[in-house]
Amino acid sequence: MRAVPDTNAQRKALARKFAPGLLRPFSGMNVSVRLGEIAHSILSRWPIRPQPAKPIANFRYVTMCERAHWLMLRESLFSLHRSWTLLPEITVVSDGTWTASEFGDVFAWWPSPITVLTRQQICETASSADLRELADYARESPYGLKLAAIVIEARKQPVLFVDADILWFGDPLLLLGVPTSWTKPRGLRESNCHQRREMALRHCASVLEPPFVNSGIVALHGELMRPDLLRSMVLEALPYPQDSSCEQTIIATAVKLGGEFFPVKLSLVEFDDVHRFRSRNMKTEGYYSRHYVHWMRHMLYRDALELRFHFFAGLIAREGPNRASRAGLAGVSSSAGGQNE
């Protein structure tokens, strides 16, 4: 039996100092960014209570993040729990900035154990699988670590890799299809995506043509691409460990050469509302998730806070009739007790 999680662990690990300047109306800060920063501060002090278990989905959900982005990951996983009817087994890859024990205290609200994989474990597994170049890339680059995690885990089981900067608004399981059919790599489509041009021209020029591939969500069970092609592209990526376009170009090549795109509505990867007061509504537009890439993280916290309020309002609405029912039963019991006396 699991111990009752200490919600104070979340506050201690995630709380950020509130900046009073956020409340100054004429500070010059964009209103969307201001609201995002306020939402970020509120969420950092609002722990998640232990969540109920749900039936298990037959694939593994893999994600990764650095210690600085734990709050973002927490809200991503909470949105998953809130919207999915079946919960996959979760694996989180550590980039080395945090340990499994630290992580366990903060994410103990999740209803089942979360598997943590370290960078060392990923590199050792890649080396033992005769993927030494991939192991080197994972050792030197966070993007190489993500690529290695996808390649290694997908060889063992159906994997849905999801970046930590994605929120879920609906249950995508029917859209994803049967996990045993994920033999071809699938990725998100994007209208404008940064790729490493010289690498793409050498290996798959169509990567540079629309629709572009975004690697924020990747589904796979099996090999990402031919081993010789993977080795060649990884060797080209090694000199640029901090360039995310290398990893994205490798995933895009796999999708364009032998894979396919996810249905359009699986995730919104657009940025036209990044500075607006009102953000786009995923529910009314029919999207199941949204990918909040780098420059729009403030939008993630705004939407995450709104999801929390909706969840809290739903609990109150469900509790209302229950409280009334309990009160009614108590009244009946009291009345019956009076008659028997």
C-alpha atoms as a PDB file:
ATOM      1  CA  MET A   1       0.000   0.000   0.000  1.00  0.00           C
ATOM      2  CA  ARG A   2       1.397   3.393  -1.002  1.00  0.00           C
ATOM      3  CA  ALA A   3       1.925   6.041   1.650  1.00  0.00           C
ATOM      4  CA  VAL A   4      -0.256   9.138   1.560  1.00  0.00           C
ATOM      5  CA  PRO A   5       1.677  11.775  -0.444  1.00  0.00           C
ATOM      6  CA  ASP A   6       2.842  14.925   1.308  1.00  0.00           C
ATOM      7  CA  THR A   7       1.538  17.830  -0.769  1.00  0.00           C
ATOM      8  CA  ASN A   8       4.006  20.142   0.988  1.00  0.00           C
ATOM      9  CA  ALA A   9       6.731  18.463  -1.058  1.00  0.00           C
ATOM     10  CA  GLN A  10       5.220  20.028  -4.164  1.00  0.00           C
ATOM     11  CA  ARG A  11       5.123  23.493  -2.623  1.00  0.00           C
ATOM     12  CA  LYS A  12       8.720  23.263  -1.421  1.00  0.00           C
ATOM     13  CA  ALA A  13       9.992  22.036  -4.767  1.00  0.00           C
ATOM     14  CA  LEU A  14       7.907  24.167  -7.127  1.00  0.00           C
ATOM     15  CA  ALA A  15       6.958  27.433  -5.372  1.00  0.00           C
ATOM     16  CA  ARG A  16       8.357  30.539  -7.035  1.00  0.00           C
ATOM     17  CA  LYS A  17       8.624  34.026  -5.602  1.00  0.00           C
ATOM     18  CA  PHE A  18       5.802  36.295  -6.758  1.00  0.00           C
ATOM     19  CA  ALA A  19       6.946  39.446  -8.556  1.00  0.00           C
ATOM     20  CA  PRO A  20       4.803  42.444  -7.445  1.00  0.00           C
ATOM     21  CA  GLY A  21       5.610  44.152 -10.738  1.00  0.00           C
ATOM     22  CA  LEU A  22       3.196  41.744 -12.450  1.00  0.00           C
ATOM     23  CA  LEU A  23       0.328  43.698 -10.891  1.00  0.00           C
ATOM     24  CA  ARG A  24       1.499  47.082 -12.232  1.00  0.00           C
ATOM     25  CA  PRO A  25      -0.726  47.867 -15.220  1.00  0.00           C
ATOM     26  CA  PHE A  26       1.716  50.224 -16.948  1.00  0.00           C
ATOM     27  CA  SER A  27       4.933  48.210 -16.660  1.00  0.00           C
ATOM     28  CA  GLY A  28       5.025  47.655 -20.435  1.00  0.00           C
ATOM     29  CA  MET A  29       4.678  43.867 -20.186  1.00  0.00           C
ATOM     30  CA  ASN A  30       2.411  42.221 -22.746  1.00  0.00           C
ATOM     31  CA  VAL A  31      -0.920  41.278 -21.133  1.00  0.00           C
ATOM     32  CA  SER A  32      -0.721  37.657 -22.285  1.00  0.00           C
ATOM     33  CA  VAL A  33       2.763  37.235 -20.818  1.00  0.00           C
ATOM     34  CA  ARG A  34       1.649  38.991 -17.609  1.00  0.00           C
ATOM     35  CA  LEU A  35      -1.300  36.626 -17.184  1.00  0.00           C
ATOM     36  CA  GLY A  36       0.959  33.649 -17.875  1.00  0.00           C
ATOM     37  CA  GLU A  37       3.444  34.711 -15.214  1.00  0.00           C
ATOM     38  CA  ILE A  38       0.646  35.202 -12.674  1.00  0.00           C
ATOM     39  CA  ALA A  39      -0.791  31.776 -13.550  1.00  0.00           C
ATOM     40  CA  HIS A  40       2.687  30.258 -13.190  1.00  0.00           C
ATOM     41  CA  SER A  41       2.997  31.698  -9.670  1.00  0.00           C
ATOM     42  CA  ILE A  42      -0.464  30.488  -8.621  1.00  0.00           C
ATOM     43  CA  LEU A  43       0.132  26.960  -9.919  1.00  0.00           C
ATOM     44  CA  SER A  44       3.491  26.766  -8.169  1.00  0.00           C
ATOM     45  CA  ARG A  45       1.680  27.140  -4.831  1.00  0.00           C
ATOM     46  CA  TRP A  46      -1.322  24.943  -5.670  1.00  0.00           C
ATOM     47  CA  PRO A  47      -0.436  21.279  -5.037  1.00  0.00           C
ATOM     48  CA  ILE A  48      -2.273  18.401  -6.667  1.00  0.00           C
ATOM     49  CA  ARG A  49      -3.996  15.974  -4.326  1.00  0.00           C
ATOM     50  CA  PRO A  50      -3.609  12.202  -4.860  1.00  0.00           C
ATOM     51  CA  GLN A  51      -5.571  11.215  -7.959  1.00  0.00           C
ATOM     52  CA  PRO A  52      -7.709   8.075  -8.355  1.00  0.00           C
ATOM     53  CA  ALA A  53      -6.511   5.079 -10.342  1.00  0.00           C
ATOM     54  CA  LYS A  54      -7.925   4.362 -13.800  1.00  0.00           C
ATOM     55  CA  PRO A  55      -7.768   1.329 -16.124  1.00  0.00           C
ATOM     56  CA  ILE A  56      -4.357   0.855 -17.743  1.00  0.00           C
ATOM     57  CA  ALA A  57      -3.686   1.467 -21.458  1.00  0.00           C
ATOM     58  CA  ASN A  58      -1.442  -1.080 -23.210  1.00  0.00           C
ATOM     59  CA  PHE A  59       1.420   1.224 -24.201  1.00  0.00           C
ATOM     60  CA  ARG A  60       4.075   3.288 -22.468  1.00  0.00           C
ATOM     61  CA  TYR A  61       3.971   7.088 -22.257  1.00  0.00           C
ATOM     62  CA  VAL A  62       7.522   8.464 -22.256  1.00  0.00           C
ATOM     63  CA  THR A  63       8.514  12.041 -21.516  1.00  0.00           C
ATOM     64  CA  MET A  64      11.522  13.926 -20.187  1.00  0.00           C
ATOM     65  CA  CYS A  65      12.412  17.256 -18.650  1.00  0.00           C
ATOM     66  CA  GLU A  66      14.998  19.092 -16.612  1.00  0.00           C
ATOM     67  CA  ARG A  67      14.492  20.029 -12.958  1.00  0.00           C
ATOM     68  CA  ALA A  68      13.535  23.613 -13.848  1.00  0.00           C
ATOM     69  CA  HIS A  69      10.495  22.353 -15.777  1.00  0.00           C
ATOM     70  CA  TRP A  70       8.943  20.061 -13.153  1.00  0.00           C
ATOM     71  CA  LEU A  71       5.929  22.337 -12.767  1.00  0.00           C
ATOM     72  CA  MET A  72       5.285  22.207 -16.509  1.00  0.00           C
ATOM     73  CA  LEU A  73       5.552  18.401 -16.447  1.00  0.00           C
ATOM     74  CA  ARG A  74       3.218  18.188 -13.457  1.00  0.00           C
ATOM     75  CA  GLU A  75       0.539  20.193 -15.236  1.00  0.00           C
ATOM     76  CA  SER A  76       1.013  18.130 -18.412  1.00  0.00           C
ATOM     77  CA  LEU A  77       0.500  14.874 -16.497  1.00  0.00           C
ATOM     78  CA  PHE A  78      -2.455  16.322 -14.588  1.00  0.00           C
ATOM     79  CA  SER A  79      -4.124  17.272 -17.881  1.00  0.00           C
ATOM     80  CA  LEU A  80      -3.523  13.704 -19.069  1.00  0.00           C
ATOM     81  CA  HIS A  81      -5.147  12.215 -15.973  1.00  0.00           C
ATOM     82  CA  ARG A  82      -8.068  14.610 -16.224  1.00  0.00           C
ATOM     83  CA  SER A  83      -8.885  13.884 -19.874  1.00  0.00           C
ATOM     84  CA  TRP A  84      -7.898  10.263 -20.595  1.00  0.00           C
ATOM     85  CA  THR A  85     -10.167   7.322 -19.720  1.00  0.00           C
ATOM     86  CA  LEU A  86      -7.240   4.851 -19.684  1.00  0.00           C
ATOM     87  CA  LEU A  87      -3.859   5.707 -18.203  1.00  0.00           C
ATOM     88  CA  PRO A  88      -0.664   4.428 -19.828  1.00  0.00           C
ATOM     89  CA  GLU A  89       2.340   3.422 -17.776  1.00  0.00           C
ATOM     90  CA  ILE A  90       4.561   6.479 -17.387  1.00  0.00           C
ATOM     91  CA  THR A  91       8.310   6.722 -17.889  1.00  0.00           C
ATOM     92  CA  VAL A  92      10.133   9.987 -17.247  1.00  0.00           C
ATOM     93  CA  VAL A  93      13.706  10.442 -18.458  1.00  0.00           C
ATOM     94  CA  SER A  94      16.004  12.495 -16.233  1.00  0.00           C
ATOM     95  CA  ASP A  95      18.535  14.760 -17.907  1.00  0.00           C
ATOM     96  CA  GLY A  96      20.771  14.508 -14.817  1.00  0.00           C
ATOM     97  CA  THR A  97      19.507  17.617 -13.009  1.00  0.00           C
ATOM     98  CA  TRP A  98      17.329  15.561 -10.634  1.00  0.00           C
ATOM     99  CA  THR A  99      17.218  12.154  -8.970  1.00  0.00           C
ATOM    100  CA  ALA A 100      14.478   9.530  -8.791  1.00  0.00           C
ATOM    101  CA  SER A 101      13.983  10.038  -5.046  1.00  0.00           C
ATOM    102  CA  GLU A 102      13.517  13.804  -5.428  1.00  0.00           C
ATOM    103  CA  PHE A 103      11.092  13.231  -8.268  1.00  0.00           C
ATOM    104  CA  GLY A 104       9.103  10.605  -6.364  1.00  0.00           C
ATOM    105  CA  ASP A 105       8.237  12.994  -3.530  1.00  0.00           C
ATOM    106  CA  VAL A 106       6.875  15.674  -5.863  1.00  0.00           C
ATOM    107  CA  PHE A 107       4.980  13.334  -8.210  1.00  0.00           C
ATOM    108  CA  ALA A 108       3.582  10.980  -5.568  1.00  0.00           C
ATOM    109  CA  TRP A 109       0.079  12.261  -6.399  1.00  0.00           C
ATOM    110  CA  TRP A 110       0.100  10.139  -9.589  1.00  0.00           C
ATOM    111  CA  PRO A 111      -2.028   7.004  -8.934  1.00  0.00           C
ATOM    112  CA  SER A 112       0.622   4.444  -9.927  1.00  0.00           C
ATOM    113  CA  PRO A 113       4.422   4.178  -9.806  1.00  0.00           C
ATOM    114  CA  ILE A 114       6.305   6.263 -12.388  1.00  0.00           C
ATOM    115  CA  THR A 115       9.421   4.714 -13.917  1.00  0.00           C
ATOM    116  CA  VAL A 116      12.466   6.988 -13.979  1.00  0.00           C
ATOM    117  CA  LEU A 117      15.267   6.409 -16.490  1.00  0.00           C
ATOM    118  CA  THR A 118      18.597   8.167 -16.029  1.00  0.00           C
ATOM    119  CA  ARG A 119      20.851   9.443 -18.777  1.00  0.00           C
ATOM    120  CA  GLN A 120      23.407   6.819 -17.765  1.00  0.00           C
ATOM    121  CA  GLN A 121      20.874   4.002 -18.174  1.00  0.00           C
ATOM    122  CA  ILE A 122      19.859   5.263 -21.619  1.00  0.00           C
ATOM    123  CA  CYS A 123      23.492   5.552 -22.749  1.00  0.00           C
ATOM    124  CA  GLU A 124      24.431   2.113 -21.425  1.00  0.00           C
ATOM    125  CA  THR A 125      21.443   0.494 -23.128  1.00  0.00           C
ATOM    126  CA  ALA A 126      22.242   2.228 -26.417  1.00  0.00           C
ATOM    127  CA  SER A 127      25.888   1.116 -26.252  1.00  0.00           C
ATOM    128  CA  SER A 128      24.939  -2.493 -25.503  1.00  0.00           C
ATOM    129  CA  ALA A 129      22.563  -2.424 -28.493  1.00  0.00           C
ATOM    130  CA  ASP A 130      25.446  -1.462 -30.810  1.00  0.00           C
ATOM    131  CA  LEU A 131      24.231   2.134 -31.010  1.00  0.00           C
ATOM    132  CA  ARG A 132      27.436   3.748 -29.786  1.00  0.00           C
ATOM    133  CA  GLU A 133      26.997   6.942 -31.804  1.00  0.00           C
ATOM    134  CA  LEU A 134      23.498   7.359 -30.396  1.00  0.00           C
ATOM    135  CA  ALA A 135      24.873   6.784 -26.880  1.00  0.00           C
ATOM    136  CA  ASP A 136      27.434   9.562 -27.472  1.00  0.00           C
ATOM    137  CA  TYR A 137      24.703  11.895 -28.745  1.00  0.00           C
ATOM    138  CA  ALA A 138      22.534  11.145 -25.695  1.00  0.00           C
ATOM    139  CA  ARG A 139      25.495  11.783 -23.386  1.00  0.00           C
ATOM    140  CA  GLU A 140      26.262  15.186 -24.913  1.00  0.00           C
ATOM    141  CA  SER A 141      22.831  16.524 -25.883  1.00  0.00           C
ATOM    142  CA  PRO A 142      19.367  16.750 -24.311  1.00  0.00           C
ATOM    143  CA  TYR A 143      17.938  16.282 -27.795  1.00  0.00           C
ATOM    144  CA  GLY A 144      20.107  13.230 -28.287  1.00  0.00           C
ATOM    145  CA  LEU A 145      18.797  11.893 -24.980  1.00  0.00           C
ATOM    146  CA  LYS A 146      15.224  12.288 -26.215  1.00  0.00           C
ATOM    147  CA  LEU A 147      16.030  10.558 -29.510  1.00  0.00           C
ATOM    148  CA  ALA A 148      17.803   7.695 -27.735  1.00  0.00           C
ATOM    149  CA  ALA A 149      14.884   7.225 -25.331  1.00  0.00           C
ATOM    150  CA  ILE A 150      12.465   6.914 -28.259  1.00  0.00           C
ATOM    151  CA  VAL A 151      14.684   4.493 -30.193  1.00  0.00           C
ATOM    152  CA  ILE A 152      15.452   2.247 -27.210  1.00  0.00           C
ATOM    153  CA  GLU A 153      12.015   2.125 -25.598  1.00  0.00           C
ATOM    154  CA  ALA A 154      10.164   1.645 -28.911  1.00  0.00           C
ATOM    155  CA  ARG A 155      12.183  -1.489 -29.596  1.00  0.00           C
ATOM    156  CA  LYS A 156      10.688  -3.068 -26.473  1.00  0.00           C
ATOM    157  CA  GLN A 157       7.046  -1.927 -26.533  1.00  0.00           C
ATOM    158  CA  PRO A 158       4.593   0.543 -28.102  1.00  0.00           C
ATOM    159  CA  VAL A 159       5.709   4.018 -27.051  1.00  0.00           C
ATOM    160  CA  LEU A 160       4.057   7.415 -27.159  1.00  0.00           C
ATOM    161  CA  PHE A 161       6.744  10.017 -26.552  1.00  0.00           C
ATOM    162  CA  VAL A 162       5.284  13.365 -25.495  1.00  0.00           C
ATOM    163  CA  ASP A 163       7.220  16.539 -24.748  1.00  0.00           C
ATOM    164  CA  ALA A 164       6.600  18.018 -21.298  1.00  0.00           C
ATOM    165  CA  ASP A 165       5.261  21.257 -22.817  1.00  0.00           C
ATOM    166  CA  ILE A 166       2.022  19.638 -24.021  1.00  0.00           C
ATOM    167  CA  LEU A 167      -1.387  19.845 -22.321  1.00  0.00           C
ATOM    168  CA  TRP A 168      -4.238  17.416 -22.990  1.00  0.00           C
ATOM    169  CA  PHE A 169      -7.828  18.565 -23.457  1.00  0.00           C
ATOM    170  CA  GLY A 170      -9.480  15.361 -24.691  1.00  0.00           C
ATOM    171  CA  ASP A 171      -9.047  11.598 -24.750  1.00  0.00           C
ATOM    172  CA  PRO A 172      -7.009  10.704 -27.893  1.00  0.00           C
ATOM    173  CA  LEU A 173      -6.994   6.910 -27.563  1.00  0.00           C
ATOM    174  CA  LEU A 174      -9.367   6.250 -30.472  1.00  0.00           C
ATOM    175  CA  LEU A 175      -7.429   8.740 -32.571  1.00  0.00           C
ATOM    176  CA  LEU A 176      -4.120   7.007 -31.801  1.00  0.00           C
ATOM    177  CA  GLY A 177      -5.365   3.575 -32.861  1.00  0.00           C
ATOM    178  CA  VAL A 178      -4.302   0.158 -31.590  1.00  0.00           C
ATOM    179  CA  PRO A 179      -0.753   0.354 -30.155  1.00  0.00           C
ATOM    180  CA  THR A 180       0.303  -2.900 -31.839  1.00  0.00           C
ATOM    181  CA  SER A 181      -0.175  -1.107 -35.181  1.00  0.00           C
ATOM    182  CA  TRP A 182       2.351   1.635 -34.361  1.00  0.00           C
ATOM    183  CA  THR A 183       5.038  -0.015 -36.477  1.00  0.00           C
ATOM    184  CA  LYS A 184       5.619   3.145 -38.525  1.00  0.00           C
ATOM    185  CA  PRO A 185       6.887   6.319 -36.830  1.00  0.00           C
ATOM    186  CA  ARG A 186       4.257   9.021 -36.560  1.00  0.00           C
ATOM    187  CA  GLY A 187       4.722  12.707 -35.818  1.00  0.00           C
ATOM    188  CA  LEU A 188       2.774  15.956 -35.626  1.00  0.00           C
ATOM    189  CA  ARG A 189       2.326  18.250 -38.580  1.00  0.00           C
ATOM    190  CA  GLU A 190       3.277  21.898 -38.334  1.00  0.00           C
ATOM    191  CA  SER A 191       2.934  24.801 -40.740  1.00  0.00           C
ATOM    192  CA  ASN A 192       6.442  26.136 -40.080  1.00  0.00           C
ATOM    193  CA  CYS A 193       9.102  24.030 -38.386  1.00  0.00           C
ATOM    194  CA  HIS A 194      12.836  24.618 -37.888  1.00  0.00           C
ATOM    195  CA  GLN A 195      14.956  21.866 -39.503  1.00  0.00           C
ATOM    196  CA  ARG A 196      18.703  21.509 -40.077  1.00  0.00           C
ATOM    197  CA  ARG A 197      18.800  22.272 -43.767  1.00  0.00           C
ATOM    198  CA  GLU A 198      22.094  20.665 -44.821  1.00  0.00           C
ATOM    199  CA  MET A 199      21.243  17.445 -42.996  1.00  0.00           C
ATOM    200  CA  ALA A 200      17.796  17.317 -44.598  1.00  0.00           C
ATOM    201  CA  LEU A 201      19.184  17.933 -48.095  1.00  0.00           C
ATOM    202  CA  ARG A 202      21.611  15.039 -47.697  1.00  0.00           C
ATOM    203  CA  HIS A 203      19.111  12.502 -46.394  1.00  0.00           C
ATOM    204  CA  CYS A 204      15.513  13.572 -47.115  1.00  0.00           C
ATOM    205  CA  ALA A 205      14.874  16.857 -48.929  1.00  0.00           C
ATOM    206  CA  SER A 206      11.104  16.542 -48.485  1.00  0.00           C
ATOM    207  CA  VAL A 207      11.638  17.359 -44.795  1.00  0.00           C
ATOM    208  CA  LEU A 208      12.033  20.970 -45.944  1.00  0.00           C
ATOM    209  CA  GLU A 209       8.659  20.950 -47.717  1.00  0.00           C
ATOM    210  CA  PRO A 210       5.206  21.281 -46.118  1.00  0.00           C
ATOM    211  CA  PRO A 211       3.615  19.715 -44.273  1.00  0.00           C
ATOM    212  CA  PHE A 212       6.497  19.965 -41.818  1.00  0.00           C
ATOM    213  CA  VAL A 213       7.080  17.455 -39.025  1.00  0.00           C
ATOM    214  CA  ASN A 214       7.045  18.463 -35.362  1.00  0.00           C
ATOM    215  CA  SER A 215       8.558  15.923 -32.949  1.00  0.00           C
ATOM    216  CA  GLY A 216       6.573  16.997 -29.871  1.00  0.00           C
ATOM    217  CA  ILE A 217       4.578  13.740 -30.013  1.00  0.00           C
ATOM    218  CA  VAL A 218       5.996  10.565 -31.546  1.00  0.00           C
ATOM    219  CA  ALA A 219       4.363   7.117 -31.640  1.00  0.00           C
ATOM    220  CA  LEU A 220       6.374   4.007 -32.491  1.00  0.00           C
ATOM    221  CA  HIS A 221       6.722   0.286 -31.849  1.00  0.00           C
ATOM    222  CA  GLY A 222       9.801  -1.018 -33.630  1.00  0.00           C
ATOM    223  CA  GLU A 223      12.684   0.635 -35.494  1.00  0.00           C
ATOM    224  CA  LEU A 224      12.701   4.373 -36.116  1.00  0.00           C
ATOM    225  CA  MET A 225      14.672   4.028 -39.373  1.00  0.00           C
ATOM    226  CA  ARG A 226      17.390   1.935 -41.014  1.00  0.00           C
ATOM    227  CA  PRO A 227      20.361   1.529 -38.620  1.00  0.00           C
ATOM    228  CA  ASP A 228      22.869   2.881 -41.163  1.00  0.00           C
ATOM    229  CA  LEU A 229      20.761   5.992 -41.791  1.00  0.00           C
ATOM    230  CA  LEU A 230      20.295   6.603 -38.064  1.00  0.00           C
ATOM    231  CA  ARG A 231      24.042   6.251 -37.481  1.00  0.00           C
ATOM    232  CA  SER A 232      24.874   8.647 -40.301  1.00  0.00           C
ATOM    233  CA  MET A 233      22.432  11.320 -39.151  1.00  0.00           C
ATOM    234  CA  VAL A 234      23.466  11.042 -35.513  1.00  0.00           C
ATOM    235  CA  LEU A 235      27.117  11.513 -36.483  1.00  0.00           C
ATOM    236  CA  GLU A 236      26.135  14.725 -38.272  1.00  0.00           C
ATOM    237  CA  ALA A 237      24.196  15.904 -35.213  1.00  0.00           C
ATOM    238  CA  LEU A 238      27.009  15.239 -32.697  1.00  0.00           C
ATOM    239  CA  PRO A 239      28.906  18.512 -33.311  1.00  0.00           C
ATOM    240  CA  TYR A 240      25.739  20.500 -32.517  1.00  0.00           C
ATOM    241  CA  PRO A 241      24.534  19.159 -29.132  1.00  0.00           C
ATOM    242  CA  GLN A 242      22.399  22.224 -28.300  1.00  0.00           C
ATOM    243  CA  ASP A 243      20.687  22.477 -31.688  1.00  0.00           C
ATOM    244  CA  SER A 244      17.175  21.032 -31.408  1.00  0.00           C
ATOM    245  CA  SER A 245      16.745  21.134 -35.183  1.00  0.00           C
ATOM    246  CA  CYS A 246      19.082  18.130 -35.552  1.00  0.00           C
ATOM    247  CA  GLU A 247      16.838  15.815 -33.500  1.00  0.00           C
ATOM    248  CA  GLN A 248      13.762  17.240 -35.176  1.00  0.00           C
ATOM    249  CA  THR A 249      15.269  16.628 -38.629  1.00  0.00           C
ATOM    250  CA  ILE A 250      16.061  13.002 -37.735  1.00  0.00           C
ATOM    251  CA  ILE A 251      12.492  12.378 -36.548  1.00  0.00           C
ATOM    252  CA  ALA A 252      11.093  14.215 -39.575  1.00  0.00           C
ATOM    253  CA  THR A 253      13.200  12.077 -41.918  1.00  0.00           C
ATOM    254  CA  ALA A 254      11.870   8.917 -40.276  1.00  0.00           C
ATOM    255  CA  VAL A 255       8.278  10.142 -40.675  1.00  0.00           C
ATOM    256  CA  LYS A 256       8.714  11.324 -44.274  1.00  0.00           C
ATOM    257  CA  LEU A 257      10.584   8.236 -45.495  1.00  0.00           C
ATOM    258  CA  GLY A 258       8.676   5.445 -43.804  1.00  0.00           C
ATOM    259  CA  GLY A 259       6.069   6.851 -41.456  1.00  0.00           C
ATOM    260  CA  GLU A 260       3.012   9.045 -41.393  1.00  0.00           C
ATOM    261  CA  PHE A 261       1.406  12.021 -39.720  1.00  0.00           C
ATOM    262  CA  PHE A 262      -0.962  11.915 -36.795  1.00  0.00           C
ATOM    263  CA  PRO A 263      -4.506  13.140 -37.478  1.00  0.00           C
ATOM    264  CA  VAL A 264      -4.506  16.938 -37.570  1.00  0.00           C
ATOM    265  CA  LYS A 265      -6.708  17.311 -34.506  1.00  0.00           C
ATOM    266  CA  LEU A 266      -4.403  15.344 -32.209  1.00  0.00           C
ATOM    267  CA  SER A 267      -2.474  18.491 -31.328  1.00  0.00           C
ATOM    268  CA  LEU A 268      -2.437  22.176 -32.212  1.00  0.00           C
ATOM    269  CA  VAL A 269       1.029  23.478 -33.103  1.00  0.00           C
ATOM    270  CA  GLU A 270       0.259  27.104 -33.995  1.00  0.00           C
ATOM    271  CA  PHE A 271       1.250  30.392 -32.383  1.00  0.00           C
ATOM    272  CA  ASP A 272      -1.123  33.065 -33.717  1.00  0.00           C
ATOM    273  CA  ASP A 273      -2.588  33.841 -30.274  1.00  0.00           C
ATOM    274  CA  VAL A 274       0.671  34.032 -28.351  1.00  0.00           C
ATOM    275  CA  HIS A 275       0.247  37.738 -27.478  1.00  0.00           C
ATOM    276  CA  ARG A 276      -3.550  37.890 -27.278  1.00  0.00           C
ATOM    277  CA  PHE A 277      -5.673  38.388 -24.175  1.00  0.00           C
ATOM    278  CA  ARG A 278      -7.980  35.542 -25.252  1.00  0.00           C
ATOM    279  CA  SER A 279      -6.285  32.316 -26.279  1.00  0.00           C
ATOM    280  CA  ARG A 280      -7.659  29.735 -28.686  1.00  0.00           C
ATOM    281  CA  ASN A 281     -10.105  27.230 -27.227  1.00  0.00           C
ATOM    282  CA  MET A 282      -9.032  23.619 -27.791  1.00  0.00           C
ATOM    283  CA  LYS A 283     -12.449  22.213 -26.901  1.00  0.00           C
ATOM    284  CA  THR A 284     -14.457  24.336 -29.316  1.00  0.00           C
ATOM    285  CA  GLU A 285     -11.859  23.823 -32.078  1.00  0.00           C
ATOM    286  CA  GLY A 286     -11.827  20.066 -31.523  1.00  0.00           C
ATOM    287  CA  TYR A 287      -8.139  19.609 -30.643  1.00  0.00           C
ATOM    288  CA  TYR A 288      -7.081  16.911 -28.187  1.00  0.00           C
ATOM    289  CA  SER A 289      -3.877  18.636 -27.065  1.00  0.00           C
ATOM    290  CA  ARG A 290      -1.677  21.660 -27.633  1.00  0.00           C
ATOM    291  CA  HIS A 291       2.090  21.936 -27.980  1.00  0.00           C
ATOM    292  CA  TYR A 292       3.369  25.112 -26.284  1.00  0.00           C
ATOM    293  CA  VAL A 293       6.788  25.507 -27.876  1.00  0.00           C
ATOM    294  CA  HIS A 294       9.491  27.680 -26.336  1.00  0.00           C
ATOM    295  CA  TRP A 295       8.243  31.241 -26.835  1.00  0.00           C
ATOM    296  CA  MET A 296       4.665  30.490 -25.767  1.00  0.00           C
ATOM    297  CA  ARG A 297       5.216  28.734 -22.421  1.00  0.00           C
ATOM    298  CA  HIS A 298       3.297  31.514 -20.692  1.00  0.00           C
ATOM    299  CA  MET A 299       0.236  30.277 -22.615  1.00  0.00           C
ATOM    300  CA  LEU A 300       0.722  26.795 -21.147  1.00  0.00           C
ATOM    301  CA  TYR A 301       0.445  28.125 -17.603  1.00  0.00           C
ATOM    302  CA  ARG A 302      -2.608  30.202 -18.484  1.00  0.00           C
ATOM    303  CA  ASP A 303      -4.390  27.181 -19.948  1.00  0.00           C
ATOM    304  CA  ALA A 304      -3.180  24.864 -17.174  1.00  0.00           C
ATOM    305  CA  LEU A 305      -4.657  27.186 -14.558  1.00  0.00           C
ATOM    306  CA  GLU A 306      -7.955  27.249 -16.460  1.00  0.00           C
ATOM    307  CA  LEU A 307      -7.970  23.423 -16.539  1.00  0.00           C
ATOM    308  CA  ARG A 308      -7.448  23.372 -12.778  1.00  0.00           C
ATOM    309  CA  PHE A 309     -10.366  25.748 -12.216  1.00  0.00           C
ATOM    310  CA  HIS A 310     -12.595  23.628 -14.471  1.00  0.00           C
ATOM    311  CA  PHE A 311     -11.565  20.490 -12.568  1.00  0.00           C
ATOM    312  CA  PHE A 312     -12.192  22.156  -9.207  1.00  0.00           C
ATOM    313  CA  ALA A 313     -15.594  23.460 -10.362  1.00  0.00           C
ATOM    314  CA  GLY A 314     -16.479  19.968 -11.563  1.00  0.00           C
ATOM    315  CA  LEU A 315     -15.626  18.497  -8.173  1.00  0.00           C
ATOM    316  CA  ILE A 316     -17.823  21.053  -6.445  1.00  0.00           C
ATOM    317  CA  ALA A 317     -20.685  20.331  -8.859  1.00  0.00           C
ATOM    318  CA  ARG A 318     -20.388  16.591  -8.210  1.00  0.00           C
ATOM    319  CA  GLU A 319     -20.067  17.072  -4.488  1.00  0.00           C
ATOM    320  CA  GLY A 320     -23.207  19.249  -4.331  1.00  0.00           C
ATOM    321  CA  PRO A 321     -25.730  16.450  -4.983  1.00  0.00           C
ATOM    322  CA  ASN A 322     -23.675  14.059  -2.847  1.00  0.00           C
ATOM    323  CA  ARG A 323     -23.750  16.422   0.094  1.00  0.00           C
ATOM    324  CA  ALA A 324     -27.471  16.962  -0.340  1.00  0.00           C
ATOM    325  CA  SER A 325     -28.023  13.211  -0.515  1.00  0.00           C
ATOM    326  CA  ARG A 326     -25.955  12.617   2.612  1.00  0.00           C
ATOM    327  CA  ALA A 327     -27.786  15.399   4.397  1.00  0.00           C
ATOM    328  CA  GLY A 328     -31.103  13.874   3.380  1.00  0.00           C
ATOM    329  CA  LEU A 329     -30.076  10.450   4.623  1.00  0.00           C
ATOM    330  CA  ALA A 330     -28.887  11.983   7.875  1.00  0.00           C
ATOM    331  CA  GLY A 331     -32.242  13.695   8.265  1.00  0.00           C
ATOM    332  CA  VAL A 332     -34.132  10.479   7.627  1.00  0.00           C
ATOM    333  CA  SER A 333     -31.908   8.615  10.092  1.00  0.00           C
ATOM    334  CA  SER A 334     -32.412  11.317  12.698  1.00  0.00           C
ATOM    335  CA  SER A 335     -36.155  11.296  12.161  1.00  0.00           C
ATOM    336  CA  ALA A 336     -36.307   7.530  12.387  1.00  0.00           C
ATOM    337  CA  GLY A 337     -34.249   7.626  15.559  1.00  0.00           C
ATOM    338  CA  GLY A 338     -36.681  10.086  17.110  1.00  0.00           C
ATOM    339  CA  GLN A 339     -39.649   7.852  16.311  1.00  0.00           C
ATOM    340  CA  ASN A 340     -38.029   4.872  17.945  1.00  0.00           C
ATOM    341  CA  GLU A 341     -37.270   6.647  21.168  1.00  0.00           C
END
